[in-house]
Amino acid sequence: MGAALDTVSRNRLTWQCRRGLLELDLVLQRFIPTLKDEDVQSLVALLDLPDNDLWDIIAGRSDRYDPRLKQIVARLRAA
């Protein structure tokens, strides 16, 4: 994805945020409208994680993620 999210890219990312856990779906769907263009790569990196690992990170039960993702993780935890 380029520097700016066009409508198609944003829709594709929104689709990727549909997960197998309701909790993740709720947090990610609230987060997407606040997503900044510079956060896209970080979010995509997090979305590569299995659902349970991602939920543990967002819920604050795990800090096992790339330290470069600290800022977006903090924003997701606040969502």
C-alpha atoms as a PDB file:
ATOM      1  CA  MET A   1       0.000   0.000   0.000  1.00  0.00           C
ATOM      2  CA  GLY A   2       1.223   3.455  -0.769  1.00  0.00           C
ATOM      3  CA  ALA A   3       1.678   6.394   1.545  1.00  0.00           C
ATOM      4  CA  ALA A   4      -2.012   7.280   1.533  1.00  0.00           C
ATOM      5  CA  LEU A   5      -4.879   4.850   1.912  1.00  0.00           C
ATOM      6  CA  ASP A   6      -7.244   5.004  -1.013  1.00  0.00           C
ATOM      7  CA  THR A   7     -10.780   3.677  -0.677  1.00  0.00           C
ATOM      8  CA  VAL A   8      -9.963   0.254  -2.099  1.00  0.00           C
ATOM      9  CA  SER A   9      -6.939  -0.185   0.193  1.00  0.00           C
ATOM     10  CA  ARG A  10      -8.938   0.927   3.230  1.00  0.00           C
ATOM     11  CA  ASN A  11     -11.730  -1.514   2.349  1.00  0.00           C
ATOM     12  CA  ARG A  12      -9.213  -4.320   1.889  1.00  0.00           C
ATOM     13  CA  LEU A  13      -7.651  -3.541   5.260  1.00  0.00           C
ATOM     14  CA  THR A  14     -11.087  -3.430   6.880  1.00  0.00           C
ATOM     15  CA  TRP A  15     -11.768  -6.892   5.462  1.00  0.00           C
ATOM     16  CA  GLN A  16      -8.449  -8.162   6.896  1.00  0.00           C
ATOM     17  CA  CYS A  17      -9.585  -6.923  10.307  1.00  0.00           C
ATOM     18  CA  ARG A  18     -12.468  -9.391  10.306  1.00  0.00           C
ATOM     19  CA  ARG A  19     -11.135 -12.098  12.562  1.00  0.00           C
ATOM     20  CA  GLY A  20     -12.269 -15.311  14.229  1.00  0.00           C
ATOM     21  CA  LEU A  21     -12.630 -13.724  17.668  1.00  0.00           C
ATOM     22  CA  LEU A  22     -15.508 -11.368  18.377  1.00  0.00           C
ATOM     23  CA  GLU A  23     -13.340  -9.357  20.762  1.00  0.00           C
ATOM     24  CA  LEU A  24     -10.793  -8.682  18.023  1.00  0.00           C
ATOM     25  CA  ASP A  25     -13.506  -7.757  15.554  1.00  0.00           C
ATOM     26  CA  LEU A  26     -14.948  -5.205  17.959  1.00  0.00           C
ATOM     27  CA  VAL A  27     -11.619  -3.548  18.769  1.00  0.00           C
ATOM     28  CA  LEU A  28     -10.346  -3.531  15.195  1.00  0.00           C
ATOM     29  CA  GLN A  29     -13.617  -2.209  13.751  1.00  0.00           C
ATOM     30  CA  ARG A  30     -13.524   0.701  16.226  1.00  0.00           C
ATOM     31  CA  PHE A  31      -9.857   1.309  15.422  1.00  0.00           C
ATOM     32  CA  ILE A  32     -10.043   1.377  11.596  1.00  0.00           C
ATOM     33  CA  PRO A  33     -11.778   4.787  11.356  1.00  0.00           C
ATOM     34  CA  THR A  34      -8.981   6.331  13.473  1.00  0.00           C
ATOM     35  CA  LEU A  35      -6.204   4.676  11.453  1.00  0.00           C
ATOM     36  CA  LYS A  36      -3.505   7.032  10.239  1.00  0.00           C
ATOM     37  CA  ASP A  37      -1.750   6.363   6.938  1.00  0.00           C
ATOM     38  CA  GLU A  38       1.582   5.978   8.720  1.00  0.00           C
ATOM     39  CA  ASP A  39       0.092   3.190  10.888  1.00  0.00           C
ATOM     40  CA  VAL A  40      -0.907   0.925   8.016  1.00  0.00           C
ATOM     41  CA  GLN A  41       2.315  -1.101   7.840  1.00  0.00           C
ATOM     42  CA  SER A  42       2.334  -1.644  11.595  1.00  0.00           C
ATOM     43  CA  LEU A  43      -1.278  -2.784  11.606  1.00  0.00           C
ATOM     44  CA  VAL A  44      -0.656  -5.150   8.696  1.00  0.00           C
ATOM     45  CA  ALA A  45       2.290  -6.649  10.620  1.00  0.00           C
ATOM     46  CA  LEU A  46       0.043  -7.248  13.628  1.00  0.00           C
ATOM     47  CA  LEU A  47      -2.674  -8.767  11.449  1.00  0.00           C
ATOM     48  CA  ASP A  48      -0.183 -11.436  10.356  1.00  0.00           C
ATOM     49  CA  LEU A  49      -0.295 -12.833  13.895  1.00  0.00           C
ATOM     50  CA  PRO A  50      -2.678 -15.648  14.855  1.00  0.00           C
ATOM     51  CA  ASP A  51      -5.916 -14.414  16.410  1.00  0.00           C
ATOM     52  CA  ASN A  52      -5.177 -15.612  19.938  1.00  0.00           C
ATOM     53  CA  ASP A  53      -1.693 -14.076  19.966  1.00  0.00           C
ATOM     54  CA  LEU A  54      -3.049 -10.791  18.613  1.00  0.00           C
ATOM     55  CA  TRP A  55      -5.823 -10.733  21.211  1.00  0.00           C
ATOM     56  CA  ASP A  56      -3.339 -11.406  24.027  1.00  0.00           C
ATOM     57  CA  ILE A  57      -1.256  -8.438  22.849  1.00  0.00           C
ATOM     58  CA  ILE A  58      -4.230  -6.084  22.526  1.00  0.00           C
ATOM     59  CA  ALA A  59      -5.689  -7.218  25.847  1.00  0.00           C
ATOM     60  CA  GLY A  60      -2.346  -6.531  27.536  1.00  0.00           C
ATOM     61  CA  ARG A  61      -1.695 -10.151  28.494  1.00  0.00           C
ATOM     62  CA  SER A  62       1.366 -10.384  26.254  1.00  0.00           C
ATOM     63  CA  ASP A  63       4.227  -8.107  25.321  1.00  0.00           C
ATOM     64  CA  ARG A  64       5.643 -10.563  22.799  1.00  0.00           C
ATOM     65  CA  TYR A  65       5.668  -8.369  19.705  1.00  0.00           C
ATOM     66  CA  ASP A  66       8.183  -6.362  17.729  1.00  0.00           C
ATOM     67  CA  PRO A  67       9.133  -3.267  19.775  1.00  0.00           C
ATOM     68  CA  ARG A  68       8.673  -1.148  16.635  1.00  0.00           C
ATOM     69  CA  LEU A  69       4.945  -1.829  16.948  1.00  0.00           C
ATOM     70  CA  LYS A  70       4.742  -0.350  20.436  1.00  0.00           C
ATOM     71  CA  GLN A  71       2.913   2.814  19.365  1.00  0.00           C
ATOM     72  CA  ILE A  72       0.139   1.078  17.434  1.00  0.00           C
ATOM     73  CA  VAL A  73      -0.251  -1.551  20.156  1.00  0.00           C
ATOM     74  CA  ALA A  74      -0.747   1.252  22.690  1.00  0.00           C
ATOM     75  CA  ARG A  75      -3.401   2.827  20.459  1.00  0.00           C
ATOM     76  CA  LEU A  76      -5.168  -0.525  19.987  1.00  0.00           C
ATOM     77  CA  ARG A  77      -5.135  -1.159  23.731  1.00  0.00           C
ATOM     78  CA  ALA A  78      -6.753   2.234  24.265  1.00  0.00           C
ATOM     79  CA  ALA A  79      -9.439   1.606  21.605  1.00  0.00           C
END
